[in-house]
């Protein structure tokens, strides 16, 4: 007859193993990072990077929101990002993918400097608290924005800077949004014409 104390020991071991497995599965997946060179700066918070194998990835910088190009301080924000990343190999740490299919990421320079934080510290971008959920970089960016505001750096030198999200909402019906929509409709018409010819 088997010893009952062995069964209770086995049960305990199985519970510990099952609990450990559940905790391990509950941990977030490790961030997928890769190295790439900046090939194009679109605006103050979006850049296209090209990896060593030639794959291009459009990257939206995590935790920040820079003025739109046609918004006040938009050109300066784009220039600030271009100055930081031009001709440099960057470490791209993926955080998420946004609704437009862009990779949302933290960008690091070869010396380890976080580009996202630098733009906020220089007053070239807002800390985007609404979408910034990683505790460590988000707390630093929040503090850096407060410091840039206090020192009136970059966009904070303006009397009343407008948040990019508010600017986008106000200009949604304007030419800024209308031109891409017209281009898309034109492309769809061309595809329909080609499709009908088949």
N, C-alpha and C. Protein backbone atom coordinates (compact mmCIF):
# COMPACT_ATOMS: atom_id res chain seq x y z
N UNK A 1 0.84 -1.19 0.00
CA UNK A 1 0.00 0.00 0.00
C UNK A 1 0.88 1.25 0.00
N UNK A 2 0.59 2.26 -0.93
CA UNK A 2 1.42 3.45 -1.00
C UNK A 2 1.29 4.30 0.25
N UNK A 3 2.38 4.99 0.52
CA UNK A 3 2.44 5.87 1.69
C UNK A 3 1.64 7.15 1.40
N UNK A 4 0.60 7.50 2.22
CA UNK A 4 -0.22 8.69 1.95
C UNK A 4 0.56 10.00 2.07
N UNK A 5 1.62 10.02 2.82
CA UNK A 5 2.39 11.27 2.96
C UNK A 5 3.08 11.63 1.64
N UNK A 6 3.42 10.65 0.81
CA UNK A 6 4.05 10.93 -0.49
C UNK A 6 3.07 11.64 -1.43
N UNK A 7 1.78 11.25 -1.36
CA UNK A 7 0.78 11.89 -2.22
C UNK A 7 0.60 13.36 -1.86
N UNK A 8 0.58 13.69 -0.57
CA UNK A 8 0.40 15.08 -0.16
C UNK A 8 1.63 15.91 -0.58
N UNK A 9 2.81 15.30 -0.53
CA UNK A 9 4.02 15.99 -0.98
C UNK A 9 3.99 16.24 -2.48
N UNK A 10 3.51 15.26 -3.24
CA UNK A 10 3.39 15.40 -4.70
C UNK A 10 2.37 16.47 -5.06
N UNK A 11 1.24 16.47 -4.31
CA UNK A 11 0.21 17.48 -4.56
C UNK A 11 0.78 18.88 -4.35
N UNK A 12 1.50 19.04 -3.27
CA UNK A 12 2.10 20.35 -2.96
C UNK A 12 3.07 20.77 -4.06
N UNK A 13 3.86 19.84 -4.52
CA UNK A 13 4.83 20.12 -5.59
C UNK A 13 4.10 20.52 -6.87
N UNK A 14 3.03 19.80 -7.21
CA UNK A 14 2.25 20.14 -8.40
C UNK A 14 1.63 21.52 -8.28
N UNK A 15 1.13 21.87 -7.10
CA UNK A 15 0.55 23.20 -6.90
C UNK A 15 1.61 24.28 -7.09
N UNK A 16 2.80 24.07 -6.56
CA UNK A 16 3.89 25.05 -6.68
C UNK A 16 4.29 25.20 -8.15
N UNK A 17 4.40 24.10 -8.86
CA UNK A 17 4.77 24.15 -10.28
C UNK A 17 3.68 24.86 -11.08
N UNK A 18 2.41 24.54 -10.82
CA UNK A 18 1.30 25.17 -11.54
C UNK A 18 1.26 26.67 -11.25
N UNK A 19 1.44 27.05 -9.99
CA UNK A 19 1.44 28.46 -9.62
C UNK A 19 2.60 29.20 -10.28
N UNK A 20 3.77 28.59 -10.29
CA UNK A 20 4.94 29.21 -10.94
C UNK A 20 4.70 29.41 -12.43
N UNK A 21 4.12 28.41 -13.06
CA UNK A 21 3.82 28.51 -14.50
C UNK A 21 2.82 29.63 -14.77
N UNK A 22 1.79 29.72 -13.94
CA UNK A 22 0.79 30.79 -14.12
C UNK A 22 1.43 32.17 -13.95
N UNK A 23 2.28 32.33 -12.94
CA UNK A 23 2.96 33.62 -12.73
C UNK A 23 3.88 33.94 -13.90
N UNK A 24 4.58 32.96 -14.40
CA UNK A 24 5.49 33.18 -15.53
C UNK A 24 4.72 33.61 -16.77
N UNK A 25 3.57 32.97 -17.02
CA UNK A 25 2.75 33.32 -18.18
C UNK A 25 2.12 34.70 -18.04
N UNK A 26 1.89 35.15 -16.80
CA UNK A 26 1.27 36.45 -16.57
C UNK A 26 2.23 37.61 -16.78
N UNK A 27 3.54 37.33 -16.77
CA UNK A 27 4.52 38.40 -16.97
C UNK A 27 4.43 38.93 -18.40
N UNK A 28 4.67 40.23 -18.57
CA UNK A 28 4.65 40.76 -19.93
C UNK A 28 5.77 40.16 -20.76
N UNK A 29 5.51 40.02 -22.04
CA UNK A 29 6.53 39.48 -22.94
C UNK A 29 7.70 40.46 -23.02
N UNK A 30 8.90 39.97 -23.18
CA UNK A 30 10.04 40.87 -23.28
C UNK A 30 9.91 41.76 -24.51
N UNK A 31 10.35 43.00 -24.34
CA UNK A 31 10.26 43.95 -25.45
C UNK A 31 11.16 43.48 -26.60
N UNK A 32 10.67 43.61 -27.80
CA UNK A 32 11.45 43.24 -28.97
C UNK A 32 12.20 44.48 -29.43
N UNK A 33 13.50 44.46 -29.32
CA UNK A 33 14.31 45.60 -29.71
C UNK A 33 15.14 45.22 -30.93
N UNK A 34 15.42 46.23 -31.75
CA UNK A 34 16.28 46.02 -32.90
C UNK A 34 17.03 47.31 -33.19
N UNK A 35 18.11 47.18 -33.94
CA UNK A 35 18.91 48.34 -34.32
C UNK A 35 18.54 48.76 -35.73
N UNK A 36 18.51 50.07 -35.95
CA UNK A 36 18.17 50.58 -37.28
C UNK A 36 18.67 52.01 -37.40
N UNK A 37 18.77 52.47 -38.65
CA UNK A 37 19.17 53.85 -38.92
C UNK A 37 17.94 54.66 -39.31
N UNK A 38 17.90 55.90 -38.86
CA UNK A 38 16.79 56.78 -39.24
C UNK A 38 16.95 57.12 -40.72
N UNK A 39 15.89 56.88 -41.49
CA UNK A 39 15.96 57.17 -42.92
C UNK A 39 15.08 58.35 -43.30
N UNK A 40 14.06 58.66 -42.48
CA UNK A 40 13.20 59.81 -42.77
C UNK A 40 12.51 60.28 -41.49
N UNK A 41 12.49 61.57 -41.29
CA UNK A 41 11.76 62.16 -40.17
C UNK A 41 10.49 62.77 -40.75
N UNK A 42 9.33 62.32 -40.28
CA UNK A 42 8.05 62.78 -40.81
C UNK A 42 7.57 64.04 -40.10
N UNK A 43 7.69 64.03 -38.77
CA UNK A 43 7.32 65.19 -37.96
C UNK A 43 8.07 65.07 -36.64
N UNK A 44 7.63 65.77 -35.62
CA UNK A 44 8.36 65.79 -34.36
C UNK A 44 8.29 64.53 -33.52
N UNK A 45 7.42 63.58 -33.89
CA UNK A 45 7.33 62.34 -33.11
C UNK A 45 7.19 61.09 -33.96
N UNK A 46 7.46 61.19 -35.25
CA UNK A 46 7.37 60.02 -36.13
C UNK A 46 8.57 59.99 -37.07
N UNK A 47 9.19 58.81 -37.15
CA UNK A 47 10.38 58.64 -37.98
C UNK A 47 10.32 57.27 -38.64
N UNK A 48 10.87 57.16 -39.85
CA UNK A 48 11.01 55.86 -40.48
C UNK A 48 12.45 55.42 -40.28
N UNK A 49 12.61 54.18 -39.81
CA UNK A 49 13.94 53.61 -39.61
C UNK A 49 14.12 52.43 -40.54
N UNK A 50 15.36 52.19 -40.94
CA UNK A 50 15.68 51.08 -41.83
C UNK A 50 16.68 50.17 -41.13
N UNK A 51 16.31 48.89 -41.00
CA UNK A 51 17.18 47.93 -40.32
C UNK A 51 18.29 47.47 -41.28
N UNK A 52 19.22 46.69 -40.76
CA UNK A 52 20.35 46.21 -41.56
C UNK A 52 19.91 45.37 -42.75
N UNK A 53 18.78 44.67 -42.61
CA UNK A 53 18.29 43.84 -43.71
C UNK A 53 17.46 44.63 -44.73
N UNK A 54 17.37 45.95 -44.54
CA UNK A 54 16.68 46.82 -45.49
C UNK A 54 15.21 47.03 -45.22
N UNK A 55 14.68 46.43 -44.15
CA UNK A 55 13.26 46.59 -43.82
C UNK A 55 13.02 47.97 -43.21
N UNK A 56 12.05 48.68 -43.77
CA UNK A 56 11.69 50.01 -43.27
C UNK A 56 10.53 49.88 -42.29
N UNK A 57 10.63 50.59 -41.18
CA UNK A 57 9.58 50.58 -40.16
C UNK A 57 9.26 52.01 -39.77
N UNK A 58 7.97 52.34 -39.83
CA UNK A 58 7.55 53.67 -39.40
C UNK A 58 7.33 53.62 -37.89
N UNK A 59 8.00 54.51 -37.16
CA UNK A 59 8.00 54.48 -35.70
C UNK A 59 7.40 55.76 -35.14
N UNK A 60 6.43 55.59 -34.26
CA UNK A 60 5.85 56.70 -33.49
C UNK A 60 6.48 56.66 -32.13
N UNK A 61 7.08 57.76 -31.68
CA UNK A 61 7.78 57.77 -30.40
C UNK A 61 6.79 57.63 -29.24
N UNK A 62 7.09 56.70 -28.37
CA UNK A 62 6.22 56.37 -27.23
C UNK A 62 6.23 57.47 -26.18
N UNK A 63 5.05 57.79 -25.67
CA UNK A 63 4.93 58.66 -24.50
C UNK A 63 5.02 60.15 -24.77
N UNK A 64 5.14 60.54 -26.04
CA UNK A 64 5.23 61.97 -26.35
C UNK A 64 4.25 62.32 -27.46
N UNK A 65 3.95 63.61 -27.55
CA UNK A 65 3.10 64.13 -28.63
C UNK A 65 3.69 65.47 -29.03
N UNK A 66 4.28 65.51 -30.21
CA UNK A 66 4.91 66.74 -30.71
C UNK A 66 3.91 67.53 -31.53
N UNK A 67 4.11 68.85 -31.62
CA UNK A 67 3.22 69.65 -32.46
C UNK A 67 3.21 69.13 -33.90
N UNK A 68 2.04 69.20 -34.52
CA UNK A 68 1.91 68.81 -35.93
C UNK A 68 2.72 69.77 -36.79
N UNK A 69 3.14 69.29 -37.96
CA UNK A 69 4.02 70.08 -38.81
C UNK A 69 3.44 71.45 -39.13
N UNK A 70 2.13 71.54 -39.39
CA UNK A 70 1.51 72.82 -39.74
C UNK A 70 1.07 73.62 -38.51
N UNK A 71 1.30 73.07 -37.34
CA UNK A 71 0.95 73.74 -36.09
C UNK A 71 2.11 74.63 -35.65
N UNK A 72 1.82 75.59 -34.80
CA UNK A 72 2.88 76.44 -34.26
C UNK A 72 3.92 75.55 -33.56
N UNK A 73 5.17 75.75 -33.86
CA UNK A 73 6.33 75.02 -33.35
C UNK A 73 6.46 73.62 -33.97
N UNK A 74 5.67 73.31 -34.97
CA UNK A 74 5.75 72.00 -35.63
C UNK A 74 7.04 71.78 -36.40
N UNK A 75 7.46 72.80 -37.14
CA UNK A 75 8.71 72.67 -37.91
C UNK A 75 9.91 72.55 -36.99
N UNK A 76 9.89 73.30 -35.92
CA UNK A 76 10.99 73.24 -34.95
C UNK A 76 11.07 71.87 -34.28
N UNK A 77 9.91 71.28 -33.99
CA UNK A 77 9.87 69.94 -33.38
C UNK A 77 10.45 68.90 -34.34
N UNK A 78 10.09 69.00 -35.61
CA UNK A 78 10.63 68.08 -36.62
C UNK A 78 12.14 68.24 -36.73
N UNK A 79 12.62 69.48 -36.73
CA UNK A 79 14.05 69.75 -36.81
C UNK A 79 14.78 69.19 -35.59
N UNK A 80 14.17 69.31 -34.41
CA UNK A 80 14.79 68.79 -33.18
C UNK A 80 14.97 67.28 -33.26
N UNK A 81 13.94 66.58 -33.75
CA UNK A 81 14.04 65.11 -33.89
C UNK A 81 15.08 64.75 -34.94
N UNK A 82 15.08 65.46 -36.07
CA UNK A 82 16.04 65.17 -37.14
C UNK A 82 17.47 65.38 -36.64
N UNK A 83 17.69 66.43 -35.87
CA UNK A 83 19.03 66.72 -35.34
C UNK A 83 19.51 65.59 -34.43
N UNK A 84 18.61 65.02 -33.66
CA UNK A 84 18.98 63.95 -32.73
C UNK A 84 19.29 62.63 -33.43
N UNK A 85 18.51 62.27 -34.47
CA UNK A 85 18.62 60.92 -35.04
C UNK A 85 19.37 60.84 -36.36
N UNK A 86 19.64 61.97 -37.01
CA UNK A 86 20.28 61.96 -38.32
C UNK A 86 21.62 61.22 -38.30
N UNK A 87 21.75 60.29 -39.27
CA UNK A 87 22.98 59.51 -39.48
C UNK A 87 23.41 58.71 -38.25
N UNK A 88 22.45 58.28 -37.44
CA UNK A 88 22.79 57.51 -36.25
C UNK A 88 22.07 56.17 -36.28
N UNK A 89 22.73 55.17 -35.72
CA UNK A 89 22.10 53.87 -35.53
C UNK A 89 21.38 53.93 -34.19
N UNK A 90 20.11 53.60 -34.22
CA UNK A 90 19.26 53.71 -33.04
C UNK A 90 18.85 52.33 -32.55
N UNK A 91 18.66 52.21 -31.25
CA UNK A 91 18.04 51.01 -30.69
C UNK A 91 16.56 51.31 -30.59
N UNK A 92 15.75 50.50 -31.25
CA UNK A 92 14.30 50.68 -31.29
C UNK A 92 13.69 49.63 -30.38
N UNK A 93 13.09 50.07 -29.28
CA UNK A 93 12.45 49.16 -28.33
C UNK A 93 10.94 49.25 -28.52
N UNK A 94 10.39 48.23 -29.16
CA UNK A 94 8.95 48.21 -29.43
C UNK A 94 8.15 48.18 -28.14
N UNK A 95 7.10 49.00 -28.10
CA UNK A 95 6.19 49.00 -26.96
C UNK A 95 4.81 48.54 -27.40
N UNK A 96 4.39 48.99 -28.59
CA UNK A 96 3.02 48.71 -29.04
C UNK A 96 2.94 48.98 -30.54
N UNK A 97 1.76 48.79 -31.09
CA UNK A 97 1.44 49.19 -32.47
C UNK A 97 0.20 50.05 -32.38
N UNK A 98 0.22 51.23 -33.02
CA UNK A 98 -0.94 52.12 -32.92
C UNK A 98 -1.99 51.77 -33.96
N UNK A 99 -3.08 52.50 -33.96
CA UNK A 99 -4.20 52.18 -34.85
C UNK A 99 -3.89 52.43 -36.31
N UNK A 100 -2.80 53.14 -36.59
CA UNK A 100 -2.38 53.39 -37.97
C UNK A 100 -1.34 52.37 -38.44
N UNK A 101 -1.03 51.39 -37.61
CA UNK A 101 -0.07 50.36 -37.97
C UNK A 101 1.38 50.73 -37.72
N UNK A 102 1.61 51.88 -37.09
CA UNK A 102 2.99 52.29 -36.79
C UNK A 102 3.49 51.56 -35.54
N UNK A 103 4.78 51.29 -35.52
CA UNK A 103 5.39 50.74 -34.33
C UNK A 103 5.56 51.87 -33.33
N UNK A 104 5.05 51.70 -32.12
CA UNK A 104 5.22 52.69 -31.06
C UNK A 104 6.42 52.21 -30.25
N UNK A 105 7.42 53.09 -30.10
CA UNK A 105 8.68 52.61 -29.52
C UNK A 105 9.43 53.68 -28.75
N UNK A 106 10.35 53.21 -27.93
CA UNK A 106 11.35 54.06 -27.30
C UNK A 106 12.58 54.00 -28.20
N UNK A 107 13.14 55.16 -28.52
CA UNK A 107 14.35 55.21 -29.36
C UNK A 107 15.54 55.61 -28.51
N UNK A 108 16.61 54.84 -28.62
CA UNK A 108 17.85 55.16 -27.88
C UNK A 108 18.97 55.44 -28.86
N UNK A 109 19.75 56.46 -28.52
CA UNK A 109 20.94 56.80 -29.30
C UNK A 109 22.05 55.83 -28.93
N UNK A 110 23.14 55.80 -29.71
CA UNK A 110 24.25 54.88 -29.39
C UNK A 110 24.82 55.07 -27.98
N UNK A 111 24.74 56.29 -27.44
CA UNK A 111 25.27 56.52 -26.08
C UNK A 111 24.26 56.17 -24.98
N UNK A 112 23.07 55.67 -25.36
CA UNK A 112 22.07 55.26 -24.39
C UNK A 112 21.02 56.33 -24.10
N UNK A 113 21.19 57.52 -24.64
CA UNK A 113 20.23 58.60 -24.43
C UNK A 113 18.88 58.24 -25.05
N UNK A 114 17.81 58.45 -24.29
CA UNK A 114 16.47 58.17 -24.77
C UNK A 114 15.95 59.39 -25.54
N UNK A 115 15.73 59.23 -26.84
CA UNK A 115 15.30 60.33 -27.71
C UNK A 115 13.96 60.90 -27.23
N UNK A 116 13.04 60.04 -26.82
CA UNK A 116 11.72 60.47 -26.36
C UNK A 116 11.86 61.48 -25.22
N UNK A 117 12.69 61.15 -24.24
CA UNK A 117 12.89 62.02 -23.08
C UNK A 117 13.60 63.32 -23.48
N UNK A 118 14.56 63.23 -24.38
CA UNK A 118 15.31 64.41 -24.80
C UNK A 118 14.39 65.43 -25.45
N UNK A 119 13.46 64.98 -26.30
CA UNK A 119 12.53 65.90 -26.96
C UNK A 119 11.64 66.61 -25.94
N UNK A 120 11.19 65.89 -24.93
CA UNK A 120 10.37 66.51 -23.88
C UNK A 120 11.21 67.50 -23.08
N UNK A 121 12.45 67.12 -22.74
CA UNK A 121 13.33 67.99 -21.95
C UNK A 121 13.67 69.28 -22.69
N UNK A 122 13.76 69.22 -24.02
CA UNK A 122 14.08 70.40 -24.82
C UNK A 122 12.85 71.26 -25.11
N UNK A 123 11.68 70.79 -24.73
CA UNK A 123 10.45 71.53 -25.01
C UNK A 123 9.99 71.36 -26.45
N UNK A 124 10.37 70.27 -27.10
CA UNK A 124 9.96 70.01 -28.48
C UNK A 124 8.74 69.10 -28.54
N UNK A 125 8.28 68.60 -27.39
CA UNK A 125 7.12 67.70 -27.36
C UNK A 125 6.48 67.72 -25.98
N UNK A 126 5.22 67.36 -25.96
CA UNK A 126 4.48 67.17 -24.72
C UNK A 126 4.71 65.76 -24.23
N UNK A 127 4.65 65.57 -22.93
CA UNK A 127 4.55 64.23 -22.34
C UNK A 127 3.11 63.79 -22.59
N UNK A 128 2.90 62.61 -23.17
CA UNK A 128 1.57 62.14 -23.57
C UNK A 128 1.06 61.16 -22.52
N UNK A 129 0.69 61.69 -21.36
CA UNK A 129 0.29 60.87 -20.22
C UNK A 129 -0.89 59.96 -20.48
N UNK A 130 -1.76 60.36 -21.40
CA UNK A 130 -2.94 59.57 -21.74
C UNK A 130 -2.57 58.19 -22.27
N UNK A 131 -1.43 58.10 -22.98
CA UNK A 131 -1.01 56.84 -23.58
C UNK A 131 0.28 56.29 -23.00
N UNK A 132 0.87 56.98 -22.06
CA UNK A 132 2.15 56.54 -21.49
C UNK A 132 1.88 55.72 -20.23
N UNK A 133 2.12 54.42 -20.31
CA UNK A 133 1.78 53.53 -19.20
C UNK A 133 2.99 52.88 -18.53
N UNK A 134 4.16 52.99 -19.12
CA UNK A 134 5.36 52.41 -18.50
C UNK A 134 5.84 53.37 -17.41
N UNK A 135 5.88 52.86 -16.20
CA UNK A 135 6.11 53.71 -15.04
C UNK A 135 7.43 54.49 -15.11
N UNK A 136 8.53 53.83 -15.37
CA UNK A 136 9.84 54.47 -15.28
C UNK A 136 10.02 55.60 -16.30
N UNK A 137 9.93 55.34 -17.61
CA UNK A 137 10.15 56.46 -18.54
C UNK A 137 9.04 57.51 -18.46
N UNK A 138 7.84 57.10 -18.14
CA UNK A 138 6.72 58.05 -18.10
C UNK A 138 6.85 59.03 -16.94
N UNK A 139 7.29 58.55 -15.80
CA UNK A 139 7.51 59.45 -14.66
C UNK A 139 8.61 60.45 -14.98
N UNK A 140 9.69 59.96 -15.61
CA UNK A 140 10.78 60.88 -15.98
C UNK A 140 10.31 61.91 -16.98
N UNK A 141 9.54 61.49 -18.00
CA UNK A 141 9.07 62.43 -19.01
C UNK A 141 8.12 63.46 -18.41
N UNK A 142 7.29 63.05 -17.47
CA UNK A 142 6.38 63.99 -16.81
C UNK A 142 7.19 65.06 -16.07
N UNK A 143 8.21 64.62 -15.34
CA UNK A 143 9.07 65.57 -14.60
C UNK A 143 9.85 66.47 -15.56
N UNK A 144 10.33 65.90 -16.68
CA UNK A 144 11.07 66.70 -17.65
C UNK A 144 10.18 67.76 -18.30
N UNK A 145 8.91 67.43 -18.55
CA UNK A 145 8.00 68.43 -19.11
C UNK A 145 7.79 69.57 -18.12
N UNK A 146 7.61 69.25 -16.85
CA UNK A 146 7.41 70.30 -15.85
C UNK A 146 8.63 71.22 -15.77
N UNK A 147 9.81 70.62 -15.89
CA UNK A 147 11.04 71.41 -15.85
C UNK A 147 11.15 72.29 -17.10
N UNK A 148 10.83 71.76 -18.27
CA UNK A 148 10.89 72.54 -19.51
C UNK A 148 9.87 73.68 -19.47
N UNK A 149 8.69 73.42 -18.91
CA UNK A 149 7.69 74.48 -18.76
C UNK A 149 8.21 75.60 -17.87
N UNK A 150 8.79 75.21 -16.73
CA UNK A 150 9.30 76.18 -15.76
C UNK A 150 10.41 77.04 -16.37
N UNK A 151 11.25 76.43 -17.22
CA UNK A 151 12.35 77.15 -17.84
C UNK A 151 11.96 77.80 -19.16
N UNK A 152 10.69 77.60 -19.59
CA UNK A 152 10.14 78.15 -20.82
C UNK A 152 11.01 77.79 -22.03
N UNK A 153 11.32 76.49 -22.12
CA UNK A 153 12.13 75.97 -23.22
C UNK A 153 11.24 75.58 -24.40
N UNK A 154 11.75 75.75 -25.61
CA UNK A 154 11.07 75.29 -26.81
C UNK A 154 9.67 75.85 -26.95
N UNK A 155 8.69 74.96 -27.12
CA UNK A 155 7.31 75.40 -27.31
C UNK A 155 6.75 76.09 -26.09
N UNK A 156 7.36 75.89 -24.93
CA UNK A 156 6.88 76.51 -23.69
C UNK A 156 7.23 77.99 -23.63
N UNK A 157 8.02 78.49 -24.58
CA UNK A 157 8.31 79.92 -24.65
C UNK A 157 7.11 80.68 -25.21
N UNK A 158 6.18 79.97 -25.87
CA UNK A 158 4.97 80.59 -26.41
C UNK A 158 4.03 80.98 -25.26
N UNK A 159 3.21 81.97 -25.52
CA UNK A 159 2.28 82.45 -24.49
C UNK A 159 1.29 81.36 -24.07
N UNK A 160 0.69 80.68 -25.05
CA UNK A 160 -0.31 79.67 -24.74
C UNK A 160 -0.22 78.54 -25.76
N UNK A 161 0.76 77.63 -25.62
CA UNK A 161 0.89 76.55 -26.60
C UNK A 161 -0.33 75.62 -26.59
N UNK A 162 -0.70 75.18 -27.78
CA UNK A 162 -1.87 74.32 -27.93
C UNK A 162 -1.44 72.86 -28.05
N UNK A 163 -2.09 72.00 -27.29
CA UNK A 163 -1.80 70.57 -27.36
C UNK A 163 -2.06 70.07 -28.78
N UNK A 164 -1.18 69.20 -29.30
CA UNK A 164 -1.39 68.66 -30.64
C UNK A 164 -2.73 67.94 -30.79
N UNK A 165 -3.17 67.23 -29.76
CA UNK A 165 -4.45 66.52 -29.84
C UNK A 165 -5.61 67.51 -30.02
N UNK A 166 -5.55 68.65 -29.35
CA UNK A 166 -6.58 69.68 -29.50
C UNK A 166 -6.51 70.29 -30.90
N UNK A 167 -5.29 70.53 -31.38
CA UNK A 167 -5.11 71.11 -32.71
C UNK A 167 -5.67 70.16 -33.78
N UNK A 168 -5.37 68.88 -33.65
CA UNK A 168 -5.88 67.89 -34.61
C UNK A 168 -7.41 67.87 -34.61
N UNK A 169 -8.01 67.92 -33.44
CA UNK A 169 -9.46 67.91 -33.33
C UNK A 169 -10.07 69.14 -34.02
N UNK A 170 -9.46 70.30 -33.85
CA UNK A 170 -9.96 71.53 -34.47
C UNK A 170 -9.79 71.53 -35.99
N UNK A 171 -8.75 70.89 -36.48
CA UNK A 171 -8.44 70.93 -37.91
C UNK A 171 -8.83 69.66 -38.66
N UNK A 172 -9.61 68.82 -38.05
CA UNK A 172 -9.98 67.55 -38.66
C UNK A 172 -10.72 67.74 -39.97
N UNK A 173 -11.53 68.76 -40.08
CA UNK A 173 -12.31 68.99 -41.29
C UNK A 173 -11.56 69.87 -42.29
N UNK A 174 -10.45 70.44 -41.88
CA UNK A 174 -9.73 71.39 -42.73
C UNK A 174 -8.88 70.71 -43.80
N UNK A 175 -8.15 71.51 -44.53
CA UNK A 175 -7.31 71.05 -45.63
C UNK A 175 -6.26 70.05 -45.15
N UNK A 176 -5.83 70.19 -43.93
CA UNK A 176 -4.80 69.32 -43.38
C UNK A 176 -5.21 67.86 -43.45
N UNK A 177 -6.51 67.57 -43.23
CA UNK A 177 -7.02 66.22 -43.33
C UNK A 177 -7.62 65.93 -44.70
N UNK A 178 -8.10 66.97 -45.37
CA UNK A 178 -8.82 66.77 -46.63
C UNK A 178 -7.90 66.28 -47.75
N UNK A 179 -6.68 66.81 -47.84
CA UNK A 179 -5.78 66.44 -48.94
C UNK A 179 -5.47 64.94 -48.95
N UNK A 180 -5.09 64.32 -47.82
CA UNK A 180 -4.87 62.86 -47.86
C UNK A 180 -6.12 62.08 -48.22
N UNK A 181 -7.28 62.55 -47.76
CA UNK A 181 -8.53 61.85 -48.09
C UNK A 181 -8.80 61.92 -49.59
N UNK A 182 -8.56 63.09 -50.22
CA UNK A 182 -8.74 63.22 -51.67
C UNK A 182 -7.79 62.30 -52.41
N UNK A 183 -6.54 62.23 -51.95
CA UNK A 183 -5.56 61.36 -52.60
C UNK A 183 -5.98 59.90 -52.51
N UNK A 184 -6.54 59.50 -51.38
CA UNK A 184 -6.99 58.12 -51.20
C UNK A 184 -8.17 57.82 -52.13
N UNK A 185 -9.12 58.75 -52.22
CA UNK A 185 -10.27 58.53 -53.12
C UNK A 185 -9.81 58.40 -54.57
N UNK A 186 -8.84 59.23 -54.96
CA UNK A 186 -8.30 59.20 -56.32
C UNK A 186 -7.64 57.84 -56.58
N UNK A 187 -6.87 57.34 -55.62
CA UNK A 187 -6.20 56.05 -55.78
C UNK A 187 -7.22 54.92 -55.90
N UNK A 188 -8.30 54.99 -55.11
CA UNK A 188 -9.34 53.96 -55.17
C UNK A 188 -10.02 53.97 -56.54
N UNK A 189 -10.28 55.17 -57.08
CA UNK A 189 -10.88 55.25 -58.41
C UNK A 189 -9.98 54.61 -59.47
N UNK A 190 -8.67 54.85 -59.37
CA UNK A 190 -7.73 54.26 -60.34
C UNK A 190 -7.74 52.74 -60.24
N UNK A 191 -7.80 52.22 -59.03
CA UNK A 191 -7.82 50.77 -58.84
C UNK A 191 -9.11 50.20 -59.44
N UNK A 192 -10.23 50.89 -59.24
CA UNK A 192 -11.49 50.42 -59.81
C UNK A 192 -11.43 50.38 -61.33
N UNK A 193 -10.82 51.39 -61.94
CA UNK A 193 -10.70 51.44 -63.40
C UNK A 193 -9.88 50.27 -63.89
N UNK A 194 -8.74 50.02 -63.24
CA UNK A 194 -7.87 48.90 -63.63
C UNK A 194 -8.61 47.59 -63.43
N UNK A 195 -9.35 47.46 -62.34
CA UNK A 195 -10.08 46.23 -62.06
C UNK A 195 -11.15 45.96 -63.12
N UNK A 196 -11.84 47.01 -63.57
CA UNK A 196 -12.88 46.85 -64.58
C UNK A 196 -12.32 46.42 -65.92
N UNK A 197 -11.10 46.81 -66.22
CA UNK A 197 -10.48 46.47 -67.51
C UNK A 197 -10.14 44.99 -67.58
N UNK A 198 -10.05 44.32 -66.50
CA UNK A 198 -9.67 42.89 -66.50
C UNK A 198 -10.76 42.04 -66.95
